[in-house]
Amino acid sequence: MNTELYFIYDSHCPWSYAVTPLVNALQEAYPSMKVHLLHTALYEGKTSAGEEQMEAAERASGLKFGRDYIRYANSPKSSIKTANLMGWMQSKQADKQLPVLNALQRAHFIEGNPLNTKHDFMDIVEKFKLSPSNKIFRDELSMDAEYVLEGIAEIQQMIGTTNFPAMVMTVGDNAIFIDHSKYISSPHAVVDAVEKEIASFK
């Protein structure tokens, strides 16, 4: 059966960072599964998730946040350029998007990289041999990023919530809404739960 995973997230959201290991575990368990990483572009340079959300995500997941991130946790964040890059990757280099997301989250949440200027992205662009145009690094959403937002709206209507991060897996004509809160402290447990759901479809 054709299997796909839809992950609604924001690169600058601590909870999205905490849930990404579940996406990694599912991709590892289902290597032929098509993964759609859908960036919400929530942060526009005026707000941030803040220290309280970071601490809650840390407690729930056991993941650590770097000193340089913690120091500026309450400072305004912009995820626009990251949304543009990930939208471009979805359409041009989808096979690299999950490793790139992991690298971006490590850069932001561990190393304290704000991912707010073109220069902030260059190490990752070079490491993964990416070739995005300069348009990606503007302070406005690209067409690819806007297209992703349209896809997010459709999925949110289907699942009946605008909360994120959110994960939906489709297996043939069946859909599984994955409650990440159940598995965030033990990401590989999500694989067993999904396998049971899939078995019930047969």
C-alpha atoms as a PDB file:
ATOM      1  CA  MET A   1       0.000   0.000   0.000  1.00  0.00           C
ATOM      2  CA  ASN A   2       1.089   3.553  -0.727  1.00  0.00           C
ATOM      3  CA  THR A   3       2.217   5.192   2.533  1.00  0.00           C
ATOM      4  CA  GLU A   4       2.738   8.922   3.130  1.00  0.00           C
ATOM      5  CA  LEU A   5       3.434  11.046   6.206  1.00  0.00           C
ATOM      6  CA  TYR A   6       2.406  14.693   6.649  1.00  0.00           C
ATOM      7  CA  PHE A   7       4.182  16.655   9.379  1.00  0.00           C
ATOM      8  CA  ILE A   8       2.946  20.183  10.138  1.00  0.00           C
ATOM      9  CA  TYR A   9       5.620  22.081  12.040  1.00  0.00           C
ATOM     10  CA  ASP A  10       7.592  25.293  12.398  1.00  0.00           C
ATOM     11  CA  SER A  11      11.379  25.265  12.367  1.00  0.00           C
ATOM     12  CA  HIS A  12      11.496  27.761  15.261  1.00  0.00           C
ATOM     13  CA  CYS A  13       8.924  25.972  17.455  1.00  0.00           C
ATOM     14  CA  PRO A  14      10.416  23.965  20.370  1.00  0.00           C
ATOM     15  CA  TRP A  15       7.552  21.460  20.273  1.00  0.00           C
ATOM     16  CA  SER A  16       8.185  20.802  16.572  1.00  0.00           C
ATOM     17  CA  TYR A  17      11.833  20.149  17.420  1.00  0.00           C
ATOM     18  CA  ALA A  18      10.711  17.724  20.134  1.00  0.00           C
ATOM     19  CA  VAL A  19       8.392  15.861  17.735  1.00  0.00           C
ATOM     20  CA  THR A  20      10.830  15.548  14.811  1.00  0.00           C
ATOM     21  CA  PRO A  21      12.410  12.365  16.307  1.00  0.00           C
ATOM     22  CA  LEU A  22       9.029  10.662  15.752  1.00  0.00           C
ATOM     23  CA  VAL A  23       9.211  11.597  12.066  1.00  0.00           C
ATOM     24  CA  ASN A  24      12.768  10.228  11.951  1.00  0.00           C
ATOM     25  CA  ALA A  25      11.653   6.960  13.566  1.00  0.00           C
ATOM     26  CA  LEU A  26       8.787   6.495  11.102  1.00  0.00           C
ATOM     27  CA  GLN A  27      10.979   7.297   8.094  1.00  0.00           C
ATOM     28  CA  GLU A  28      13.513   4.750   9.343  1.00  0.00           C
ATOM     29  CA  ALA A  29      10.790   2.112   9.795  1.00  0.00           C
ATOM     30  CA  TYR A  30       9.191   2.881   6.425  1.00  0.00           C
ATOM     31  CA  PRO A  31      12.070   3.953   4.148  1.00  0.00           C
ATOM     32  CA  SER A  32       9.910   3.995   1.014  1.00  0.00           C
ATOM     33  CA  MET A  33       7.281   6.224   2.669  1.00  0.00           C
ATOM     34  CA  LYS A  34       6.889   9.671   1.106  1.00  0.00           C
ATOM     35  CA  VAL A  35       7.315  12.376   3.758  1.00  0.00           C
ATOM     36  CA  HIS A  36       5.734  15.819   3.410  1.00  0.00           C
ATOM     37  CA  LEU A  37       7.269  18.413   5.743  1.00  0.00           C
ATOM     38  CA  LEU A  38       4.839  21.323   5.920  1.00  0.00           C
ATOM     39  CA  HIS A  39       6.222  24.516   7.462  1.00  0.00           C
ATOM     40  CA  THR A  40       3.629  26.848   9.045  1.00  0.00           C
ATOM     41  CA  ALA A  41       5.808  29.997   8.860  1.00  0.00           C
ATOM     42  CA  LEU A  42       4.257  31.133  12.152  1.00  0.00           C
ATOM     43  CA  TYR A  43       7.043  33.404  13.371  1.00  0.00           C
ATOM     44  CA  GLU A  44       7.402  36.669  11.461  1.00  0.00           C
ATOM     45  CA  GLY A  45      10.003  38.431  13.583  1.00  0.00           C
ATOM     46  CA  LYS A  46       7.611  39.801  16.199  1.00  0.00           C
ATOM     47  CA  THR A  47       7.064  36.876  18.577  1.00  0.00           C
ATOM     48  CA  SER A  48       8.729  33.707  19.840  1.00  0.00           C
ATOM     49  CA  ALA A  49       7.649  30.469  21.492  1.00  0.00           C
ATOM     50  CA  GLY A  50       9.412  31.665  24.624  1.00  0.00           C
ATOM     51  CA  GLU A  51      11.252  30.060  27.486  1.00  0.00           C
ATOM     52  CA  GLU A  52       8.185  28.433  29.079  1.00  0.00           C
ATOM     53  CA  GLN A  53       7.343  26.437  25.928  1.00  0.00           C
ATOM     54  CA  MET A  54      10.988  25.489  25.531  1.00  0.00           C
ATOM     55  CA  GLU A  55      11.140  24.172  29.105  1.00  0.00           C
ATOM     56  CA  ALA A  56       7.877  22.248  28.690  1.00  0.00           C
ATOM     57  CA  ALA A  57       9.098  20.646  25.458  1.00  0.00           C
ATOM     58  CA  GLU A  58      12.396  19.781  27.126  1.00  0.00           C
ATOM     59  CA  ARG A  59      10.644  18.126  30.081  1.00  0.00           C
ATOM     60  CA  ALA A  60       8.282  16.140  27.856  1.00  0.00           C
ATOM     61  CA  SER A  61      10.850  14.927  25.346  1.00  0.00           C
ATOM     62  CA  GLY A  62      14.123  14.799  27.250  1.00  0.00           C
ATOM     63  CA  LEU A  63      15.811  16.717  24.415  1.00  0.00           C
ATOM     64  CA  LYS A  64      18.347  19.347  25.390  1.00  0.00           C
ATOM     65  CA  PHE A  65      18.476  22.957  24.238  1.00  0.00           C
ATOM     66  CA  GLY A  66      21.775  24.760  23.829  1.00  0.00           C
ATOM     67  CA  ARG A  67      22.959  27.600  26.043  1.00  0.00           C
ATOM     68  CA  ASP A  68      22.969  30.111  23.170  1.00  0.00           C
ATOM     69  CA  TYR A  69      19.372  29.236  22.261  1.00  0.00           C
ATOM     70  CA  ILE A  70      18.214  29.463  25.887  1.00  0.00           C
ATOM     71  CA  ARG A  71      19.829  32.887  26.292  1.00  0.00           C
ATOM     72  CA  TYR A  72      17.651  34.331  23.511  1.00  0.00           C
ATOM     73  CA  ALA A  73      14.575  32.094  23.917  1.00  0.00           C
ATOM     74  CA  ASN A  74      12.270  35.056  24.542  1.00  0.00           C
ATOM     75  CA  SER A  75      13.648  37.180  21.689  1.00  0.00           C
ATOM     76  CA  PRO A  76      11.471  37.606  18.556  1.00  0.00           C
ATOM     77  CA  LYS A  77      12.076  34.947  15.902  1.00  0.00           C
ATOM     78  CA  SER A  78      11.514  34.816  12.153  1.00  0.00           C
ATOM     79  CA  SER A  79      11.019  31.474  10.427  1.00  0.00           C
ATOM     80  CA  ILE A  80      10.152  33.001   7.032  1.00  0.00           C
ATOM     81  CA  LYS A  81      13.450  32.190   5.309  1.00  0.00           C
ATOM     82  CA  THR A  82      13.433  28.651   6.692  1.00  0.00           C
ATOM     83  CA  ALA A  83       9.872  28.198   5.425  1.00  0.00           C
ATOM     84  CA  ASN A  84      11.025  29.383   1.998  1.00  0.00           C
ATOM     85  CA  LEU A  85      13.982  27.001   1.982  1.00  0.00           C
ATOM     86  CA  MET A  86      11.875  24.030   3.083  1.00  0.00           C
ATOM     87  CA  GLY A  87       9.144  24.894   0.566  1.00  0.00           C
ATOM     88  CA  TRP A  88      11.781  24.965  -2.167  1.00  0.00           C
ATOM     89  CA  MET A  89      13.153  21.610  -0.982  1.00  0.00           C
ATOM     90  CA  GLN A  90       9.685  20.055  -0.982  1.00  0.00           C
ATOM     91  CA  SER A  91       9.385  20.821  -4.692  1.00  0.00           C
ATOM     92  CA  LYS A  92      13.034  20.477  -5.799  1.00  0.00           C
ATOM     93  CA  GLN A  93      14.965  18.143  -3.465  1.00  0.00           C
ATOM     94  CA  ALA A  94      12.393  16.313  -1.360  1.00  0.00           C
ATOM     95  CA  ASP A  95      14.755  13.403  -0.666  1.00  0.00           C
ATOM     96  CA  LYS A  96      17.012  15.683   1.416  1.00  0.00           C
ATOM     97  CA  GLN A  97      14.343  17.587   3.320  1.00  0.00           C
ATOM     98  CA  LEU A  98      14.265  15.497   6.518  1.00  0.00           C
ATOM     99  CA  PRO A  99      18.057  15.450   7.021  1.00  0.00           C
ATOM    100  CA  VAL A 100      18.094  19.191   6.295  1.00  0.00           C
ATOM    101  CA  LEU A 101      15.300  19.828   8.827  1.00  0.00           C
ATOM    102  CA  ASN A 102      17.264  17.908  11.467  1.00  0.00           C
ATOM    103  CA  ALA A 103      20.346  19.984  10.672  1.00  0.00           C
ATOM    104  CA  LEU A 104      18.395  23.257  10.792  1.00  0.00           C
ATOM    105  CA  GLN A 105      16.841  22.362  14.140  1.00  0.00           C
ATOM    106  CA  ARG A 106      20.232  21.405  15.555  1.00  0.00           C
ATOM    107  CA  ALA A 107      21.671  24.712  14.332  1.00  0.00           C
ATOM    108  CA  HIS A 108      18.824  26.689  15.892  1.00  0.00           C
ATOM    109  CA  PHE A 109      18.008  24.875  19.128  1.00  0.00           C
ATOM    110  CA  ILE A 110      21.470  23.557  20.041  1.00  0.00           C
ATOM    111  CA  GLU A 111      23.903  26.026  18.492  1.00  0.00           C
ATOM    112  CA  GLY A 112      21.708  29.113  18.816  1.00  0.00           C
ATOM    113  CA  ASN A 113      21.784  30.000  15.099  1.00  0.00           C
ATOM    114  CA  PRO A 114      18.813  32.383  14.531  1.00  0.00           C
ATOM    115  CA  LEU A 115      18.411  31.293  10.876  1.00  0.00           C
ATOM    116  CA  ASN A 116      17.490  34.841   9.993  1.00  0.00           C
ATOM    117  CA  THR A 117      19.985  35.861   7.301  1.00  0.00           C
ATOM    118  CA  LYS A 118      21.324  34.148   4.181  1.00  0.00           C
ATOM    119  CA  HIS A 119      24.692  33.748   5.893  1.00  0.00           C
ATOM    120  CA  ASP A 120      23.035  31.759   8.723  1.00  0.00           C
ATOM    121  CA  PHE A 121      22.094  29.040   6.215  1.00  0.00           C
ATOM    122  CA  MET A 122      25.336  28.750   4.267  1.00  0.00           C
ATOM    123  CA  ASP A 123      26.949  25.915   6.260  1.00  0.00           C
ATOM    124  CA  ILE A 124      23.870  23.733   5.773  1.00  0.00           C
ATOM    125  CA  VAL A 125      23.429  24.741   2.112  1.00  0.00           C
ATOM    126  CA  GLU A 126      27.043  23.732   1.431  1.00  0.00           C
ATOM    127  CA  LYS A 127      26.917  20.548   3.515  1.00  0.00           C
ATOM    128  CA  PHE A 128      23.878  19.213   1.669  1.00  0.00           C
ATOM    129  CA  LYS A 129      24.944  20.620  -1.732  1.00  0.00           C
ATOM    130  CA  LEU A 130      21.780  22.701  -2.120  1.00  0.00           C
ATOM    131  CA  SER A 131      21.353  25.414  -4.745  1.00  0.00           C
ATOM    132  CA  PRO A 132      18.432  27.645  -3.714  1.00  0.00           C
ATOM    133  CA  SER A 133      18.023  31.008  -5.449  1.00  0.00           C
ATOM    134  CA  ASN A 134      18.523  34.283  -3.590  1.00  0.00           C
ATOM    135  CA  LYS A 135      14.724  34.734  -3.582  1.00  0.00           C
ATOM    136  CA  ILE A 136      14.597  32.093  -0.837  1.00  0.00           C
ATOM    137  CA  PHE A 137      16.341  34.458   1.569  1.00  0.00           C
ATOM    138  CA  ARG A 138      13.947  37.383   1.278  1.00  0.00           C
ATOM    139  CA  ASP A 139      11.789  38.508   4.199  1.00  0.00           C
ATOM    140  CA  GLU A 140       8.567  37.472   2.486  1.00  0.00           C
ATOM    141  CA  LEU A 141       7.065  34.091   1.785  1.00  0.00           C
ATOM    142  CA  SER A 142       7.933  32.476  -1.530  1.00  0.00           C
ATOM    143  CA  MET A 143       5.377  30.893  -3.846  1.00  0.00           C
ATOM    144  CA  ASP A 144       6.542  27.436  -2.727  1.00  0.00           C
ATOM    145  CA  ALA A 145       6.021  28.381   0.943  1.00  0.00           C
ATOM    146  CA  GLU A 146       2.570  29.821   0.158  1.00  0.00           C
ATOM    147  CA  TYR A 147       1.667  26.589  -1.622  1.00  0.00           C
ATOM    148  CA  VAL A 148       2.686  24.628   1.494  1.00  0.00           C
ATOM    149  CA  LEU A 149       0.392  26.821   3.613  1.00  0.00           C
ATOM    150  CA  GLU A 150      -2.523  25.938   1.310  1.00  0.00           C
ATOM    151  CA  GLY A 151      -1.775  22.244   1.866  1.00  0.00           C
ATOM    152  CA  ILE A 152      -1.637  22.795   5.629  1.00  0.00           C
ATOM    153  CA  ALA A 153      -5.063  24.479   5.579  1.00  0.00           C
ATOM    154  CA  GLU A 154      -6.560  21.471   3.775  1.00  0.00           C
ATOM    155  CA  ILE A 155      -5.099  18.997   6.268  1.00  0.00           C
ATOM    156  CA  GLN A 156      -6.162  21.097   9.256  1.00  0.00           C
ATOM    157  CA  GLN A 157      -9.712  21.155   7.936  1.00  0.00           C
ATOM    158  CA  MET A 158      -9.618  17.369   7.598  1.00  0.00           C
ATOM    159  CA  ILE A 159      -8.281  16.743  11.138  1.00  0.00           C
ATOM    160  CA  GLY A 160     -10.395  19.479  12.720  1.00  0.00           C
ATOM    161  CA  THR A 161      -7.625  21.428  14.443  1.00  0.00           C
ATOM    162  CA  THR A 162      -5.123  24.161  13.667  1.00  0.00           C
ATOM    163  CA  ASN A 163      -2.839  23.045  16.496  1.00  0.00           C
ATOM    164  CA  PHE A 164       0.674  22.067  15.549  1.00  0.00           C
ATOM    165  CA  PRO A 165       2.939  20.189  15.445  1.00  0.00           C
ATOM    166  CA  ALA A 166       0.633  17.635  13.874  1.00  0.00           C
ATOM    167  CA  MET A 167       1.251  14.296  12.176  1.00  0.00           C
ATOM    168  CA  VAL A 168      -1.013  12.418   9.786  1.00  0.00           C
ATOM    169  CA  MET A 169      -0.064   9.189   8.041  1.00  0.00           C
ATOM    170  CA  THR A 170      -1.989   7.848   5.074  1.00  0.00           C
ATOM    171  CA  VAL A 171      -1.943   4.165   4.159  1.00  0.00           C
ATOM    172  CA  GLY A 172      -3.825   3.593   0.921  1.00  0.00           C
ATOM    173  CA  ASP A 173      -7.236   5.179   1.462  1.00  0.00           C
ATOM    174  CA  ASN A 174      -6.902   5.183   5.264  1.00  0.00           C
ATOM    175  CA  ALA A 175      -5.574   8.008   7.444  1.00  0.00           C
ATOM    176  CA  ILE A 176      -3.975   7.780  10.886  1.00  0.00           C
ATOM    177  CA  PHE A 177      -3.868  10.888  13.081  1.00  0.00           C
ATOM    178  CA  ILE A 178      -0.809  10.396  15.283  1.00  0.00           C
ATOM    179  CA  ASP A 179      -1.090  11.859  18.783  1.00  0.00           C
ATOM    180  CA  HIS A 180       2.550  12.806  19.249  1.00  0.00           C
ATOM    181  CA  SER A 181       2.075  13.556  22.962  1.00  0.00           C
ATOM    182  CA  LYS A 182       1.848   9.802  23.619  1.00  0.00           C
ATOM    183  CA  TYR A 183       5.254   9.055  22.115  1.00  0.00           C
ATOM    184  CA  ILE A 184       7.320  12.218  22.523  1.00  0.00           C
ATOM    185  CA  SER A 185       9.389  10.748  25.357  1.00  0.00           C
ATOM    186  CA  SER A 186       9.965   7.470  23.473  1.00  0.00           C
ATOM    187  CA  PRO A 187       9.930   8.162  19.710  1.00  0.00           C
ATOM    188  CA  HIS A 188      10.349   4.564  18.544  1.00  0.00           C
ATOM    189  CA  ALA A 189       7.123   3.600  20.346  1.00  0.00           C
ATOM    190  CA  VAL A 190       5.244   5.427  17.594  1.00  0.00           C
ATOM    191  CA  VAL A 191       6.343   2.742  15.115  1.00  0.00           C
ATOM    192  CA  ASP A 192       4.626  -0.040  17.101  1.00  0.00           C
ATOM    193  CA  ALA A 193       1.475   2.056  17.455  1.00  0.00           C
ATOM    194  CA  VAL A 194       1.330   2.765  13.718  1.00  0.00           C
ATOM    195  CA  GLU A 195       1.947  -0.898  12.863  1.00  0.00           C
ATOM    196  CA  LYS A 196      -1.061  -1.875  14.987  1.00  0.00           C
ATOM    197  CA  GLU A 197      -3.217   0.732  13.231  1.00  0.00           C
ATOM    198  CA  ILE A 198      -2.112  -0.517   9.814  1.00  0.00           C
ATOM    199  CA  ALA A 199      -2.831  -4.128  10.813  1.00  0.00           C
ATOM    200  CA  SER A 200      -6.398  -3.130  11.693  1.00  0.00           C
ATOM    201  CA  PHE A 201      -6.954  -1.897   8.122  1.00  0.00           C
ATOM    202  CA  LYS A 202      -6.297  -5.350   6.637  1.00  0.00           C
END
